[in-house]
Amino acid sequence: MTRYEFLERLRAALVGEMPDQAVQEQIRFYEGYISSEVASGKSEEEVLAGLGDARLIARTILETWQSRDTDLEYHGEAQHETYEEDGSRSFHQDNSRGFQQDGGSFFGMNGKVYRLDKWYLKLIPIALILLVLGFVFTLFFGMMKLAILILTSPFFWGVILVITALGWFSRRR
């Protein structure tokens, strides 16, 4: 495996699971680490073999990153990291649990951070609209069916005939 393949596997495992700036920071870190080890005389293959599987590293990074969100809570208010252009980090407190990063919206809950712009989460409003429309159509057509059943019932016409006859006879007196 080459350095490029390792970094791409790491990136693919991290993208969508944490903010894009944090992914870039991790990629820069591992790229710098590999470069420094190669510069110290090790071969690229030795360095990559020492690192291990990129997906396992990504899982560790994600677990650490997600637990970091819980560690930053303070008296019911969440603190969130902001990645500055120079690569430094800063923290800000927020009374809400949701926050926005360059890569999309994120929502933190119980120490886990969920990315809100995944494709399957976009289906939720569509599914809700379809459920509401289905309910409205079922209600409307159910009432129409009930009306048709009533209007075609001989009992209904018998009652109408009796009421009309009573009304006609009561006016004649």
C-alpha atoms as a PDB file:
ATOM      1  CA  MET A   1       0.000   0.000   0.000  1.00  0.00           C
ATOM      2  CA  THR A   2       1.233   3.496  -0.769  1.00  0.00           C
ATOM      3  CA  ARG A   3       1.004   6.640   1.324  1.00  0.00           C
ATOM      4  CA  TYR A   4      -1.691   7.963  -1.021  1.00  0.00           C
ATOM      5  CA  GLU A   5      -3.809   4.808  -0.663  1.00  0.00           C
ATOM      6  CA  PHE A   6      -3.467   4.868   3.138  1.00  0.00           C
ATOM      7  CA  LEU A   7      -4.489   8.526   3.375  1.00  0.00           C
ATOM      8  CA  GLU A   8      -7.426   8.038   0.988  1.00  0.00           C
ATOM      9  CA  ARG A   9      -8.724   5.059   2.998  1.00  0.00           C
ATOM     10  CA  LEU A  10      -8.405   7.112   6.165  1.00  0.00           C
ATOM     11  CA  ARG A  11     -10.206  10.064   4.552  1.00  0.00           C
ATOM     12  CA  ALA A  12     -12.990   7.831   3.178  1.00  0.00           C
ATOM     13  CA  ALA A  13     -13.577   6.330   6.625  1.00  0.00           C
ATOM     14  CA  LEU A  14     -13.738   9.751   8.325  1.00  0.00           C
ATOM     15  CA  VAL A  15     -15.705  11.836   5.796  1.00  0.00           C
ATOM     16  CA  GLY A  16     -19.343  12.183   6.806  1.00  0.00           C
ATOM     17  CA  GLU A  17     -18.673  11.094  10.363  1.00  0.00           C
ATOM     18  CA  MET A  18     -16.996  14.260  11.636  1.00  0.00           C
ATOM     19  CA  PRO A  19     -16.587  17.863  10.398  1.00  0.00           C
ATOM     20  CA  ASP A  20     -14.525  18.299   7.241  1.00  0.00           C
ATOM     21  CA  GLN A  21     -11.994  20.525   9.000  1.00  0.00           C
ATOM     22  CA  ALA A  22     -11.344  17.821  11.604  1.00  0.00           C
ATOM     23  CA  VAL A  23     -10.907  15.255   8.812  1.00  0.00           C
ATOM     24  CA  GLN A  24      -8.384  17.530   7.096  1.00  0.00           C
ATOM     25  CA  GLU A  25      -6.516  17.973  10.391  1.00  0.00           C
ATOM     26  CA  GLN A  26      -6.240  14.203  10.830  1.00  0.00           C
ATOM     27  CA  ILE A  27      -5.076  13.709   7.239  1.00  0.00           C
ATOM     28  CA  ARG A  28      -2.441  16.455   7.672  1.00  0.00           C
ATOM     29  CA  PHE A  29      -1.260  14.839  10.914  1.00  0.00           C
ATOM     30  CA  TYR A  30      -0.786  11.379   9.378  1.00  0.00           C
ATOM     31  CA  GLU A  31       0.730  12.827   6.206  1.00  0.00           C
ATOM     32  CA  GLY A  32       3.228  14.753   8.352  1.00  0.00           C
ATOM     33  CA  TYR A  33       3.961  11.700  10.473  1.00  0.00           C
ATOM     34  CA  ILE A  34       4.646   9.524   7.430  1.00  0.00           C
ATOM     35  CA  SER A  35       6.849  12.221   5.883  1.00  0.00           C
ATOM     36  CA  SER A  36       8.882  12.684   9.066  1.00  0.00           C
ATOM     37  CA  GLU A  37       9.398   8.935   9.490  1.00  0.00           C
ATOM     38  CA  VAL A  38      10.475   8.579   5.851  1.00  0.00           C
ATOM     39  CA  ALA A  39      12.822  11.558   6.302  1.00  0.00           C
ATOM     40  CA  SER A  40      14.372   9.831   9.335  1.00  0.00           C
ATOM     41  CA  GLY A  41      15.399   6.886   7.154  1.00  0.00           C
ATOM     42  CA  LYS A  42      12.501   4.429   7.291  1.00  0.00           C
ATOM     43  CA  SER A  43      10.903   3.209   4.105  1.00  0.00           C
ATOM     44  CA  GLU A  44       7.320   4.178   3.355  1.00  0.00           C
ATOM     45  CA  GLU A  45       6.291   0.512   3.538  1.00  0.00           C
ATOM     46  CA  GLU A  46       7.783   0.161   7.044  1.00  0.00           C
ATOM     47  CA  VAL A  47       5.995   3.270   8.286  1.00  0.00           C
ATOM     48  CA  LEU A  48       2.651   2.152   6.840  1.00  0.00           C
ATOM     49  CA  ALA A  49       3.077  -1.347   8.229  1.00  0.00           C
ATOM     50  CA  GLY A  50       3.772   0.177  11.640  1.00  0.00           C
ATOM     51  CA  LEU A  51       0.622   2.282  11.457  1.00  0.00           C
ATOM     52  CA  GLY A  52      -1.639  -0.625  10.563  1.00  0.00           C
ATOM     53  CA  ASP A  53      -5.060  -0.536   8.942  1.00  0.00           C
ATOM     54  CA  ALA A  54      -6.371   2.941   8.062  1.00  0.00           C
ATOM     55  CA  ARG A  55      -9.955   1.940   8.874  1.00  0.00           C
ATOM     56  CA  LEU A  56      -8.970   0.816  12.372  1.00  0.00           C
ATOM     57  CA  ILE A  57      -7.171   4.126  12.912  1.00  0.00           C
ATOM     58  CA  ALA A  58     -10.272   5.947  11.635  1.00  0.00           C
ATOM     59  CA  ARG A  59     -12.489   4.044  14.084  1.00  0.00           C
ATOM     60  CA  THR A  60     -10.187   5.031  16.953  1.00  0.00           C
ATOM     61  CA  ILE A  61     -10.178   8.660  15.802  1.00  0.00           C
ATOM     62  CA  LEU A  62     -13.994   8.691  15.610  1.00  0.00           C
ATOM     63  CA  GLU A  63     -14.432   7.112  19.045  1.00  0.00           C
ATOM     64  CA  THR A  64     -12.044   9.646  20.532  1.00  0.00           C
ATOM     65  CA  TRP A  65     -13.686  12.526  18.682  1.00  0.00           C
ATOM     66  CA  GLN A  66     -17.193  11.484  19.718  1.00  0.00           C
ATOM     67  CA  SER A  67     -16.227  11.028  23.372  1.00  0.00           C
ATOM     68  CA  ARG A  68     -14.586  14.476  23.243  1.00  0.00           C
ATOM     69  CA  ASP A  69     -18.047  15.981  22.697  1.00  0.00           C
ATOM     70  CA  THR A  70     -19.230  14.503  25.987  1.00  0.00           C
ATOM     71  CA  ASP A  71     -16.089  15.588  27.848  1.00  0.00           C
ATOM     72  CA  LEU A  72     -16.625  19.204  26.776  1.00  0.00           C
ATOM     73  CA  GLU A  73     -20.064  19.509  28.398  1.00  0.00           C
ATOM     74  CA  TYR A  74     -20.227  22.036  31.182  1.00  0.00           C
ATOM     75  CA  HIS A  75     -23.330  22.543  33.373  1.00  0.00           C
ATOM     76  CA  GLY A  76     -25.743  21.547  30.625  1.00  0.00           C
ATOM     77  CA  GLU A  77     -24.109  23.727  28.003  1.00  0.00           C
ATOM     78  CA  ALA A  78     -22.072  22.171  25.229  1.00  0.00           C
ATOM     79  CA  GLN A  79     -18.686  23.482  24.189  1.00  0.00           C
ATOM     80  CA  HIS A  80     -17.719  22.964  20.568  1.00  0.00           C
ATOM     81  CA  GLU A  81     -14.393  23.104  18.814  1.00  0.00           C
ATOM     82  CA  THR A  82     -13.817  25.568  16.034  1.00  0.00           C
ATOM     83  CA  TYR A  83     -10.956  24.974  13.640  1.00  0.00           C
ATOM     84  CA  GLU A  84      -9.273  28.198  12.595  1.00  0.00           C
ATOM     85  CA  GLU A  85      -7.579  28.794   9.237  1.00  0.00           C
ATOM     86  CA  ASP A  86      -4.139  28.545  10.832  1.00  0.00           C
ATOM     87  CA  GLY A  87      -4.986  25.052  12.105  1.00  0.00           C
ATOM     88  CA  SER A  88      -5.506  26.066  15.731  1.00  0.00           C
ATOM     89  CA  ARG A  89      -8.573  25.083  17.713  1.00  0.00           C
ATOM     90  CA  SER A  90     -10.838  27.221  19.818  1.00  0.00           C
ATOM     91  CA  PHE A  91     -13.876  26.326  21.913  1.00  0.00           C
ATOM     92  CA  HIS A  92     -17.181  28.097  22.262  1.00  0.00           C
ATOM     93  CA  GLN A  93     -20.150  27.362  24.463  1.00  0.00           C
ATOM     94  CA  ASP A  94     -23.557  26.850  23.018  1.00  0.00           C
ATOM     95  CA  ASN A  95     -26.856  26.309  24.814  1.00  0.00           C
ATOM     96  CA  SER A  96     -28.122  24.146  21.969  1.00  0.00           C
ATOM     97  CA  ARG A  97     -26.796  20.738  21.053  1.00  0.00           C
ATOM     98  CA  GLY A  98     -26.709  21.318  17.293  1.00  0.00           C
ATOM     99  CA  PHE A  99     -23.955  23.153  15.467  1.00  0.00           C
ATOM    100  CA  GLN A 100     -22.869  23.913  11.916  1.00  0.00           C
ATOM    101  CA  GLN A 101     -19.518  23.108  10.346  1.00  0.00           C
ATOM    102  CA  ASP A 102     -18.262  23.673   6.802  1.00  0.00           C
ATOM    103  CA  GLY A 103     -19.166  20.142   5.754  1.00  0.00           C
ATOM    104  CA  GLY A 104     -22.768  20.256   6.944  1.00  0.00           C
ATOM    105  CA  SER A 105     -24.982  20.264  10.009  1.00  0.00           C
ATOM    106  CA  PHE A 106     -24.151  18.134  13.032  1.00  0.00           C
ATOM    107  CA  PHE A 107     -26.230  17.184  16.028  1.00  0.00           C
ATOM    108  CA  GLY A 108     -24.679  15.851  19.222  1.00  0.00           C
ATOM    109  CA  MET A 109     -26.577  13.672  21.641  1.00  0.00           C
ATOM    110  CA  ASN A 110     -25.369  11.339  24.394  1.00  0.00           C
ATOM    111  CA  GLY A 111     -21.759  11.735  23.344  1.00  0.00           C
ATOM    112  CA  LYS A 112     -22.410  10.904  19.699  1.00  0.00           C
ATOM    113  CA  VAL A 113     -22.390  13.369  16.864  1.00  0.00           C
ATOM    114  CA  TYR A 114     -24.712  12.819  13.942  1.00  0.00           C
ATOM    115  CA  ARG A 115     -24.309  14.443  10.563  1.00  0.00           C
ATOM    116  CA  LEU A 116     -27.685  15.771   9.430  1.00  0.00           C
ATOM    117  CA  ASP A 117     -26.983  16.054   5.725  1.00  0.00           C
ATOM    118  CA  LYS A 118     -26.769  12.335   4.961  1.00  0.00           C
ATOM    119  CA  TRP A 119     -28.988  11.170   2.116  1.00  0.00           C
ATOM    120  CA  TYR A 120     -31.250   8.961   4.223  1.00  0.00           C
ATOM    121  CA  LEU A 121     -31.992  11.779   6.662  1.00  0.00           C
ATOM    122  CA  LYS A 122     -33.270  13.854   3.753  1.00  0.00           C
ATOM    123  CA  LEU A 123     -35.918  11.171   3.165  1.00  0.00           C
ATOM    124  CA  ILE A 124     -37.543  11.770   6.559  1.00  0.00           C
ATOM    125  CA  PRO A 125     -39.457  14.947   5.559  1.00  0.00           C
ATOM    126  CA  ILE A 126     -40.514  13.313   2.291  1.00  0.00           C
ATOM    127  CA  ALA A 127     -41.783  10.253   4.173  1.00  0.00           C
ATOM    128  CA  LEU A 128     -43.691  12.456   6.625  1.00  0.00           C
ATOM    129  CA  ILE A 129     -45.326  14.397   3.785  1.00  0.00           C
ATOM    130  CA  LEU A 130     -46.335  11.143   2.073  1.00  0.00           C
ATOM    131  CA  LEU A 131     -47.794   9.803   5.341  1.00  0.00           C
ATOM    132  CA  VAL A 132     -49.838  12.971   5.882  1.00  0.00           C
ATOM    133  CA  LEU A 133     -51.069  12.937   2.269  1.00  0.00           C
ATOM    134  CA  GLY A 134     -51.946   9.246   2.597  1.00  0.00           C
ATOM    135  CA  PHE A 135     -53.917   9.966   5.762  1.00  0.00           C
ATOM    136  CA  VAL A 136     -55.776  12.888   4.131  1.00  0.00           C
ATOM    137  CA  PHE A 137     -56.618  10.846   1.026  1.00  0.00           C
ATOM    138  CA  THR A 138     -57.729   7.872   3.125  1.00  0.00           C
ATOM    139  CA  LEU A 139     -59.935  10.118   5.233  1.00  0.00           C
ATOM    140  CA  PHE A 140     -61.404  11.887   2.189  1.00  0.00           C
ATOM    141  CA  PHE A 141     -62.079   8.745   0.169  1.00  0.00           C
ATOM    142  CA  GLY A 142     -63.360   6.915   3.254  1.00  0.00           C
ATOM    143  CA  MET A 143     -65.920   9.682   3.810  1.00  0.00           C
ATOM    144  CA  MET A 144     -66.856   9.586   0.121  1.00  0.00           C
ATOM    145  CA  LYS A 145     -67.363   5.821   0.328  1.00  0.00           C
ATOM    146  CA  LEU A 146     -69.515   6.254   3.435  1.00  0.00           C
ATOM    147  CA  ALA A 147     -71.605   8.903   1.678  1.00  0.00           C
ATOM    148  CA  ILE A 148     -72.112   6.647  -1.341  1.00  0.00           C
ATOM    149  CA  LEU A 149     -73.090   3.721   0.882  1.00  0.00           C
ATOM    150  CA  ILE A 150     -75.617   5.883   2.710  1.00  0.00           C
ATOM    151  CA  LEU A 151     -77.080   7.323  -0.484  1.00  0.00           C
ATOM    152  CA  THR A 152     -77.480   3.883  -2.064  1.00  0.00           C
ATOM    153  CA  SER A 153     -79.024   2.318   1.034  1.00  0.00           C
ATOM    154  CA  PRO A 154     -82.745   1.446   0.812  1.00  0.00           C
ATOM    155  CA  PHE A 155     -83.074   2.194   4.528  1.00  0.00           C
ATOM    156  CA  PHE A 156     -81.852   5.783   3.928  1.00  0.00           C
ATOM    157  CA  TRP A 157     -84.460   6.349   1.198  1.00  0.00           C
ATOM    158  CA  GLY A 158     -87.154   4.800   3.378  1.00  0.00           C
ATOM    159  CA  VAL A 159     -86.355   7.239   6.197  1.00  0.00           C
ATOM    160  CA  ILE A 160     -86.331  10.173   3.710  1.00  0.00           C
ATOM    161  CA  LEU A 161     -89.706   9.045   2.359  1.00  0.00           C
ATOM    162  CA  VAL A 162     -91.231   8.792   5.864  1.00  0.00           C
ATOM    163  CA  ILE A 163     -89.879  12.226   6.873  1.00  0.00           C
ATOM    164  CA  THR A 164     -91.165  13.794   3.662  1.00  0.00           C
ATOM    165  CA  ALA A 165     -94.580  12.194   4.101  1.00  0.00           C
ATOM    166  CA  LEU A 166     -94.818  13.352   7.724  1.00  0.00           C
ATOM    167  CA  GLY A 167     -93.833  16.849   6.698  1.00  0.00           C
ATOM    168  CA  TRP A 168     -96.410  16.845   3.884  1.00  0.00           C
ATOM    169  CA  PHE A 169     -99.186  15.543   6.129  1.00  0.00           C
ATOM    170  CA  SER A 170     -98.377  17.967   8.938  1.00  0.00           C
ATOM    171  CA  ARG A 171     -98.677  20.948   6.564  1.00  0.00           C
ATOM    172  CA  ARG A 172    -102.077  19.840   5.257  1.00  0.00           C
ATOM    173  CA  ARG A 173    -103.741  20.046   8.624  1.00  0.00           C
END
